[in-house]
C-alpha atoms as a PDB file:
ATOM      1  CA  MET A   1      90.976  84.652  92.142  1.00  0.00           C
ATOM      2  CA  THR A   2      91.368  86.237  88.986  1.00  0.00           C
ATOM      3  CA  ASN A   3      89.146  88.980  89.514  1.00  0.00           C
ATOM      4  CA  LEU A   4      91.206  90.238  92.683  1.00  0.00           C
ATOM      5  CA  HIS A   5      91.343  93.625  90.683  1.00  0.00           C
ATOM      6  CA  ASN A   6      87.390  94.237  91.145  1.00  0.00           C
ATOM      7  CA  PHE A   7      88.116  94.163  95.133  1.00  0.00           C
ATOM      8  CA  ILE A   8      90.719  96.756  95.266  1.00  0.00           C
ATOM      9  CA  GLU A   9      90.784 100.368  96.465  1.00  0.00           C
ATOM     10  CA  HIS A  10      94.031 101.414  95.179  1.00  0.00           C
ATOM     11  CA  THR A  11      95.201 103.939  98.186  1.00  0.00           C
ATOM     12  CA  LEU A  12      97.323 106.981  98.797  1.00  0.00           C
ATOM     13  CA  LEU A  13      96.737 108.890 102.086  1.00  0.00           C
ATOM     14  CA  LYS A  14     100.327 109.938 103.191  1.00  0.00           C
ATOM     15  CA  ALA A  15     100.543 113.275 104.014  1.00  0.00           C
ATOM     16  CA  THR A  16     103.381 113.912 101.509  1.00  0.00           C
ATOM     17  CA  ALA A  17     101.659 112.572  98.596  1.00  0.00           C
ATOM     18  CA  THR A  18     102.117 115.103  95.799  1.00  0.00           C
ATOM     19  CA  THR A  19      99.885 115.872  92.772  1.00  0.00           C
ATOM     20  CA  ALA A  20     102.230 113.580  90.571  1.00  0.00           C
ATOM     21  CA  ASP A  21     101.906 110.751  92.862  1.00  0.00           C
ATOM     22  CA  ILE A  22      98.273 110.914  92.828  1.00  0.00           C
ATOM     23  CA  ILE A  23      98.284 111.326  88.794  1.00  0.00           C
ATOM     24  CA  THR A  24     100.407 107.985  88.982  1.00  0.00           C
ATOM     25  CA  LEU A  25      97.964 106.299  91.326  1.00  0.00           C
ATOM     26  CA  CYS A  26      95.122 107.126  88.521  1.00  0.00           C
ATOM     27  CA  ASP A  27      97.284 105.834  85.766  1.00  0.00           C
ATOM     28  CA  GLU A  28      97.947 102.560  87.680  1.00  0.00           C
ATOM     29  CA  ALA A  29      93.998 102.311  88.610  1.00  0.00           C
ATOM     30  CA  LYS A  30      93.295 102.740  84.798  1.00  0.00           C
ATOM     31  CA  GLN A  31      96.007 100.120  83.619  1.00  0.00           C
ATOM     32  CA  TYR A  32      94.930  97.491  86.314  1.00  0.00           C
ATOM     33  CA  ASP A  33      91.163  98.482  86.062  1.00  0.00           C
ATOM     34  CA  PHE A  34      90.922  98.504  89.925  1.00  0.00           C
ATOM     35  CA  PHE A  35      87.534  99.278  91.348  1.00  0.00           C
ATOM     36  CA  GLY A  36      88.565 102.493  93.026  1.00  0.00           C
ATOM     37  CA  VAL A  37      91.042 104.866  93.919  1.00  0.00           C
ATOM     38  CA  CYS A  38      91.150 106.216  97.880  1.00  0.00           C
ATOM     39  CA  VAL A  39      92.443 109.717  98.302  1.00  0.00           C
ATOM     40  CA  ASN A  40      92.399 112.522 100.791  1.00  0.00           C
ATOM     41  CA  SER A  41      89.751 114.786  99.826  1.00  0.00           C
ATOM     42  CA  CYS A  42      91.706 117.953  98.721  1.00  0.00           C
ATOM     43  CA  TYR A  43      92.991 115.508  95.576  1.00  0.00           C
ATOM     44  CA  VAL A  44      89.289 114.464  94.872  1.00  0.00           C
ATOM     45  CA  TYR A  45      88.743 116.819  91.808  1.00  0.00           C
ATOM     46  CA  LEU A  46      92.447 115.785  90.573  1.00  0.00           C
ATOM     47  CA  ALA A  47      91.648 112.197  90.653  1.00  0.00           C
ATOM     48  CA  VAL A  48      88.212 112.769  88.993  1.00  0.00           C
ATOM     49  CA  ASN A  49      89.608 114.445  86.106  1.00  0.00           C
ATOM     50  CA  GLU A  50      92.220 111.722  85.671  1.00  0.00           C
ATOM     51  CA  LEU A  51      89.838 108.987  85.823  1.00  0.00           C
ATOM     52  CA  LYS A  52      87.060 110.558  83.599  1.00  0.00           C
ATOM     53  CA  ASP A  53      85.523 108.120  81.026  1.00  0.00           C
ATOM     54  CA  HIS A  54      87.123 105.194  83.085  1.00  0.00           C
ATOM     55  CA  ARG A  55      84.957 102.995  85.245  1.00  0.00           C
ATOM     56  CA  THR A  56      87.289 103.230  88.185  1.00  0.00           C
ATOM     57  CA  LYS A  57      85.606 104.883  91.280  1.00  0.00           C
ATOM     58  CA  VAL A  58      86.904 107.912  93.588  1.00  0.00           C
ATOM     59  CA  ILE A  59      86.702 107.401  97.081  1.00  0.00           C
ATOM     60  CA  ALA A  60      87.602 110.468  99.504  1.00  0.00           C
ATOM     61  CA  THR A  61      88.252 110.246 103.214  1.00  0.00           C
ATOM     62  CA  VAL A  62      86.460 112.664 105.695  1.00  0.00           C
ATOM     63  CA  GLY A  63      87.624 113.067 109.076  1.00  0.00           C
ATOM     64  CA  PHE A  64      90.807 111.563 108.531  1.00  0.00           C
ATOM     65  CA  PRO A  65      92.753 110.091 110.299  1.00  0.00           C
ATOM     66  CA  LEU A  66      91.452 110.517 113.567  1.00  0.00           C
ATOM     67  CA  GLY A  67      87.696 111.276 113.284  1.00  0.00           C
ATOM     68  CA  ALA A  68      87.823 114.022 115.986  1.00  0.00           C
ATOM     69  CA  SER A  69      86.516 116.735 113.806  1.00  0.00           C
ATOM     70  CA  SER A  70      83.547 118.437 114.418  1.00  0.00           C
ATOM     71  CA  THR A  71      80.238 117.087 112.792  1.00  0.00           C
ATOM     72  CA  LYS A  72      80.036 119.911 111.010  1.00  0.00           C
ATOM     73  CA  THR A  73      83.355 120.106 109.556  1.00  0.00           C
ATOM     74  CA  LYS A  74      82.849 116.550 108.411  1.00  0.00           C
ATOM     75  CA  ILE A  75      79.723 117.295 107.068  1.00  0.00           C
ATOM     76  CA  GLU A  76      81.044 120.014 104.858  1.00  0.00           C
ATOM     77  CA  GLU A  77      84.152 118.112 103.978  1.00  0.00           C
ATOM     78  CA  ALA A  78      81.938 115.433 102.640  1.00  0.00           C
ATOM     79  CA  LYS A  79      79.643 117.743 100.830  1.00  0.00           C
ATOM     80  CA  GLN A  80      82.724 119.338  98.996  1.00  0.00           C
ATOM     81  CA  ALA A  81      84.078 115.894  98.157  1.00  0.00           C
ATOM     82  CA  VAL A  82      80.965 115.136  96.384  1.00  0.00           C
ATOM     83  CA  LYS A  83      80.780 118.543  94.644  1.00  0.00           C
ATOM     84  CA  ASP A  84      84.203 117.888  93.501  1.00  0.00           C
ATOM     85  CA  GLY A  85      83.154 114.258  92.029  1.00  0.00           C
ATOM     86  CA  ALA A  86      83.521 111.978  94.711  1.00  0.00           C
ATOM     87  CA  ASP A  87      81.756 108.759  94.430  1.00  0.00           C
ATOM     88  CA  GLU A  88      82.136 107.416  97.594  1.00  0.00           C
ATOM     89  CA  ILE A  89      83.151 108.758 101.353  1.00  0.00           C
ATOM     90  CA  ASP A  90      85.343 106.812 103.983  1.00  0.00           C
ATOM     91  CA  MET A  91      84.689 108.672 107.248  1.00  0.00           C
ATOM     92  CA  VAL A  92      86.109 108.110 110.217  1.00  0.00           C
ATOM     93  CA  MET A  93      84.267 107.563 113.295  1.00  0.00           C
ATOM     94  CA  ASN A  94      84.423 109.641 116.281  1.00  0.00           C
ATOM     95  CA  LEU A  95      86.460 107.097 118.430  1.00  0.00           C
ATOM     96  CA  GLY A  96      86.815 109.418 121.270  1.00  0.00           C
ATOM     97  CA  PHE A  97      82.632 109.894 121.820  1.00  0.00           C
ATOM     98  CA  PHE A  98      82.463 106.098 121.012  1.00  0.00           C
ATOM     99  CA  LYS A  99      84.887 105.247 124.098  1.00  0.00           C
ATOM    100  CA  SER A 100      83.358 107.744 126.300  1.00  0.00           C
ATOM    101  CA  GLY A 101      79.960 106.223 125.731  1.00  0.00           C
ATOM    102  CA  ILE A 102      78.249 109.223 123.642  1.00  0.00           C
ATOM    103  CA  THR A 103      76.997 106.418 121.147  1.00  0.00           C
ATOM    104  CA  LYS A 104      73.958 108.495 120.220  1.00  0.00           C
ATOM    105  CA  SER A 105      76.046 111.389 119.011  1.00  0.00           C
ATOM    106  CA  VAL A 106      78.070 109.175 116.926  1.00  0.00           C
ATOM    107  CA  THR A 107      75.188 107.358 115.267  1.00  0.00           C
ATOM    108  CA  GLU A 108      73.747 110.920 114.578  1.00  0.00           C
ATOM    109  CA  GLU A 109      76.872 112.243 113.055  1.00  0.00           C
ATOM    110  CA  ILE A 110      77.315 108.915 110.622  1.00  0.00           C
ATOM    111  CA  ARG A 111      73.496 109.353 109.723  1.00  0.00           C
ATOM    112  CA  ALA A 112      74.180 112.906 109.179  1.00  0.00           C
ATOM    113  CA  ILE A 113      76.821 112.437 106.588  1.00  0.00           C
ATOM    114  CA  LYS A 114      74.792 109.751 104.960  1.00  0.00           C
ATOM    115  CA  LYS A 115      71.960 112.427 104.343  1.00  0.00           C
ATOM    116  CA  ALA A 116      74.469 114.820 103.469  1.00  0.00           C
ATOM    117  CA  ILE A 117      76.041 112.630 100.517  1.00  0.00           C
ATOM    118  CA  GLY A 118      72.778 111.293  99.087  1.00  0.00           C
ATOM    119  CA  ARG A 119      72.781 108.082  96.790  1.00  0.00           C
ATOM    120  CA  ARG A 120      76.680 108.105  97.348  1.00  0.00           C
ATOM    121  CA  ILE A 121      78.235 105.117  99.219  1.00  0.00           C
ATOM    122  CA  LEU A 122      79.122 105.771 103.008  1.00  0.00           C
ATOM    123  CA  LYS A 123      81.720 103.414 104.528  1.00  0.00           C
ATOM    124  CA  VAL A 124      82.517 104.353 108.376  1.00  0.00           C
ATOM    125  CA  ILE A 125      86.181 103.500 109.713  1.00  0.00           C
ATOM    126  CA  ILE A 126      85.682 102.180 113.014  1.00  0.00           C
ATOM    127  CA  GLU A 127      89.578 101.730 113.871  1.00  0.00           C
ATOM    128  CA  THR A 128      89.442  98.126 115.059  1.00  0.00           C
ATOM    129  CA  CYS A 129      92.706  97.956 116.616  1.00  0.00           C
ATOM    130  CA  TYR A 130      91.455 100.158 119.355  1.00  0.00           C
ATOM    131  CA  LEU A 131      88.223  98.304 120.071  1.00  0.00           C
ATOM    132  CA  ASN A 132      87.846  95.136 121.818  1.00  0.00           C
ATOM    133  CA  ALA A 133      85.243  92.483 120.252  1.00  0.00           C
ATOM    134  CA  ALA A 134      82.149  94.031 122.160  1.00  0.00           C
ATOM    135  CA  GLU A 135      82.981  97.575 120.911  1.00  0.00           C
ATOM    136  CA  MET A 136      83.603  96.094 117.475  1.00  0.00           C
ATOM    137  CA  LYS A 137      80.164  94.541 117.363  1.00  0.00           C
ATOM    138  CA  LEU A 138      78.564  97.858 118.949  1.00  0.00           C
ATOM    139  CA  ALA A 139      80.035  99.901 116.394  1.00  0.00           C
ATOM    140  CA  CYS A 140      79.176  97.926 113.619  1.00  0.00           C
ATOM    141  CA  LYS A 141      75.632  98.014 114.560  1.00  0.00           C
ATOM    142  CA  MET A 142      75.423 101.461 114.833  1.00  0.00           C
ATOM    143  CA  VAL A 143      76.935 101.851 111.347  1.00  0.00           C
ATOM    144  CA  ARG A 144      73.733  99.709 110.324  1.00  0.00           C
ATOM    145  CA  LEU A 145      71.343 101.937 112.383  1.00  0.00           C
ATOM    146  CA  ALA A 146      72.758 104.993 111.079  1.00  0.00           C
ATOM    147  CA  GLY A 147      72.277 103.926 107.448  1.00  0.00           C
ATOM    148  CA  ALA A 148      75.867 103.651 106.147  1.00  0.00           C
ATOM    149  CA  ASP A 149      76.588 101.306 103.510  1.00  0.00           C
ATOM    150  CA  PHE A 150      80.094  99.872 104.738  1.00  0.00           C
ATOM    151  CA  VAL A 151      82.008  99.561 107.804  1.00  0.00           C
ATOM    152  CA  LYS A 152      85.854  99.797 107.235  1.00  0.00           C
ATOM    153  CA  THR A 153      88.370  98.465 109.765  1.00  0.00           C
ATOM    154  CA  SER A 154      91.460 100.670 109.508  1.00  0.00           C
ATOM    155  CA  THR A 155      92.780 104.069 108.585  1.00  0.00           C
ATOM    156  CA  GLY A 156      96.318 102.425 108.371  1.00  0.00           C
ATOM    157  CA  PHE A 157      97.445 105.133 110.797  1.00  0.00           C
ATOM    158  CA  GLY A 158      96.751 103.012 114.005  1.00  0.00           C
ATOM    159  CA  ASN A 159      98.760 100.729 115.555  1.00  0.00           C
ATOM    160  CA  LYS A 160      97.454  97.726 113.745  1.00  0.00           C
ATOM    161  CA  GLY A 161      95.673  97.154 110.373  1.00  0.00           C
ATOM    162  CA  ALA A 162      92.888  94.852 109.574  1.00  0.00           C
ATOM    163  CA  LEU A 163      92.876  91.439 111.114  1.00  0.00           C
ATOM    164  CA  LEU A 164      91.255  88.401 109.818  1.00  0.00           C
ATOM    165  CA  LYS A 165      89.243  87.649 113.301  1.00  0.00           C
ATOM    166  CA  ASP A 166      87.917  91.189 113.427  1.00  0.00           C
ATOM    167  CA  VAL A 167      86.685  90.875 109.636  1.00  0.00           C
ATOM    168  CA  GLN A 168      84.961  87.647 110.401  1.00  0.00           C
ATOM    169  CA  LEU A 169      83.495  89.059 113.780  1.00  0.00           C
ATOM    170  CA  LEU A 170      81.916  92.240 111.661  1.00  0.00           C
ATOM    171  CA  LYS A 171      80.728  89.715 109.129  1.00  0.00           C
ATOM    172  CA  SER A 172      78.521  88.060 111.671  1.00  0.00           C
ATOM    173  CA  ILE A 173      77.031  91.282 112.858  1.00  0.00           C
ATOM    174  CA  ALA A 174      76.645  93.156 109.368  1.00  0.00           C
ATOM    175  CA  ASN A 175      75.038  90.085 107.614  1.00  0.00           C
ATOM    176  CA  GLU A 176      74.136  91.174 104.075  1.00  0.00           C
ATOM    177  CA  ASP A 177      73.049  94.637 105.306  1.00  0.00           C
ATOM    178  CA  VAL A 178      76.494  96.132 105.381  1.00  0.00           C
ATOM    179  CA  GLY A 179      79.504  95.684 103.430  1.00  0.00           C
ATOM    180  CA  ILE A 180      83.187  95.226 104.853  1.00  0.00           C
ATOM    181  CA  LYS A 181      86.378  97.007 103.692  1.00  0.00           C
ATOM    182  CA  ALA A 182      89.281  95.802 105.073  1.00  0.00           C
ATOM    183  CA  SER A 183      92.298  98.128 105.014  1.00  0.00           C
ATOM    184  CA  GLY A 184      95.535  98.517 106.844  1.00  0.00           C
ATOM    185  CA  GLY A 185      98.574  96.426 106.366  1.00  0.00           C
ATOM    186  CA  ILE A 186      97.471  94.316 103.374  1.00  0.00           C
ATOM    187  CA  LYS A 187     100.093  93.766 101.070  1.00  0.00           C
ATOM    188  CA  THR A 188      99.934  90.522  99.332  1.00  0.00           C
ATOM    189  CA  ALA A 189      97.422  88.853  97.002  1.00  0.00           C
ATOM    190  CA  LYS A 190      97.379  85.721  99.508  1.00  0.00           C
ATOM    191  CA  GLN A 191      96.166  88.293 102.343  1.00  0.00           C
ATOM    192  CA  ALA A 192      93.784  89.894 100.515  1.00  0.00           C
ATOM    193  CA  ILE A 193      91.988  86.667  99.247  1.00  0.00           C
ATOM    194  CA  ALA A 194      91.885  85.429 102.906  1.00  0.00           C
ATOM    195  CA  PHE A 195      90.059  88.691 103.839  1.00  0.00           C
ATOM    196  CA  ILE A 196      87.651  88.275 100.868  1.00  0.00           C
ATOM    197  CA  ASP A 197      87.143  84.972 102.108  1.00  0.00           C
ATOM    198  CA  ALA A 198      86.553  85.880 105.592  1.00  0.00           C
ATOM    199  CA  GLY A 199      83.779  88.261 104.113  1.00  0.00           C
ATOM    200  CA  ALA A 200      85.318  91.641 102.865  1.00  0.00           C
ATOM    201  CA  THR A 201      83.718  93.018 100.118  1.00  0.00           C
ATOM    202  CA  ARG A 202      86.381  95.759  99.370  1.00  0.00           C
ATOM    203  CA  ILE A 203      90.049  95.797  99.868  1.00  0.00           C
ATOM    204  CA  GLY A 204      91.747  99.030 100.624  1.00  0.00           C
ATOM    205  CA  SER A 205      95.645  98.792 100.145  1.00  0.00           C
ATOM    206  CA  SER A 206      98.520 101.026  98.534  1.00  0.00           C
ATOM    207  CA  ASN A 207      99.885  97.912  97.155  1.00  0.00           C
ATOM    208  CA  GLY A 208      97.280  96.697  94.615  1.00  0.00           C
ATOM    209  CA  VAL A 209      99.687  96.567  91.756  1.00  0.00           C
ATOM    210  CA  ALA A 210     102.088  94.066  93.348  1.00  0.00           C
ATOM    211  CA  MET A 211      98.838  92.081  94.484  1.00  0.00           C
ATOM    212  CA  VAL A 212      97.629  91.533  90.734  1.00  0.00           C
ATOM    213  CA  TYR A 213     101.087  90.583  89.600  1.00  0.00           C
ATOM    214  CA  GLU A 214     101.235  87.424  92.492  1.00  0.00           C
ATOM    215  CA  PRO A 215     100.912  83.968  91.519  1.00  0.00           C
ATOM    216  CA  GLU A 216      98.420  83.730  94.212  1.00  0.00           C
ATOM    217  CA  ASN A 217      96.065  85.887  92.477  1.00  0.00           C
ATOM    218  CA  HIS A 218      95.797  83.377  89.733  1.00  0.00           C
ATOM    219  CA  LYS A 219      94.465  80.877  91.705  1.00  0.00           C
ATOM    220  CA  GLU A 220      90.805  80.215  92.017  1.00  0.00           C
END
């Protein structure tokens, strides 16, 4: 797959990420023509400035990494990220509410954030490592119902990242209505291509540069 770079959201979400680190992330994204960079919302303005006049998108996280912020807080964070120039938002679903069966509130929160960001893409991180198959199916259905654009597997801060079987399951529910972003623990081109073959339409990884150098990346 010679166009792997078109799937990659080059990611840096560590708490210790510095401004210099974000600038390097953006320089790499420009050099390798990655689809996007994914950063914490405080760095959106910097990333937008670094990527001006380049096609690479800026993706901001909201309610990251726990998803436990209030809905109002998440909405305001999303609005500010958009104001700062974010092209897309990756929000974390409220897992505690979801596990408590308060699914209406979770769905309404997703819908409210989508409304707040308008035409921009909204991805919902459901943190698959904490969900069984039935819960994953329900979460994906809720994402569709709320009008979000993507379901995303993981924050990368849970006890496991993306799994092929989880992406395949999500694909069976999402159909063509909702995209799938596989993220968390994807380190090689071979892994990334396997996730794409399983149904992922985006790959979130901090190892994008290494991926595009690998021999596996050049196989059709």
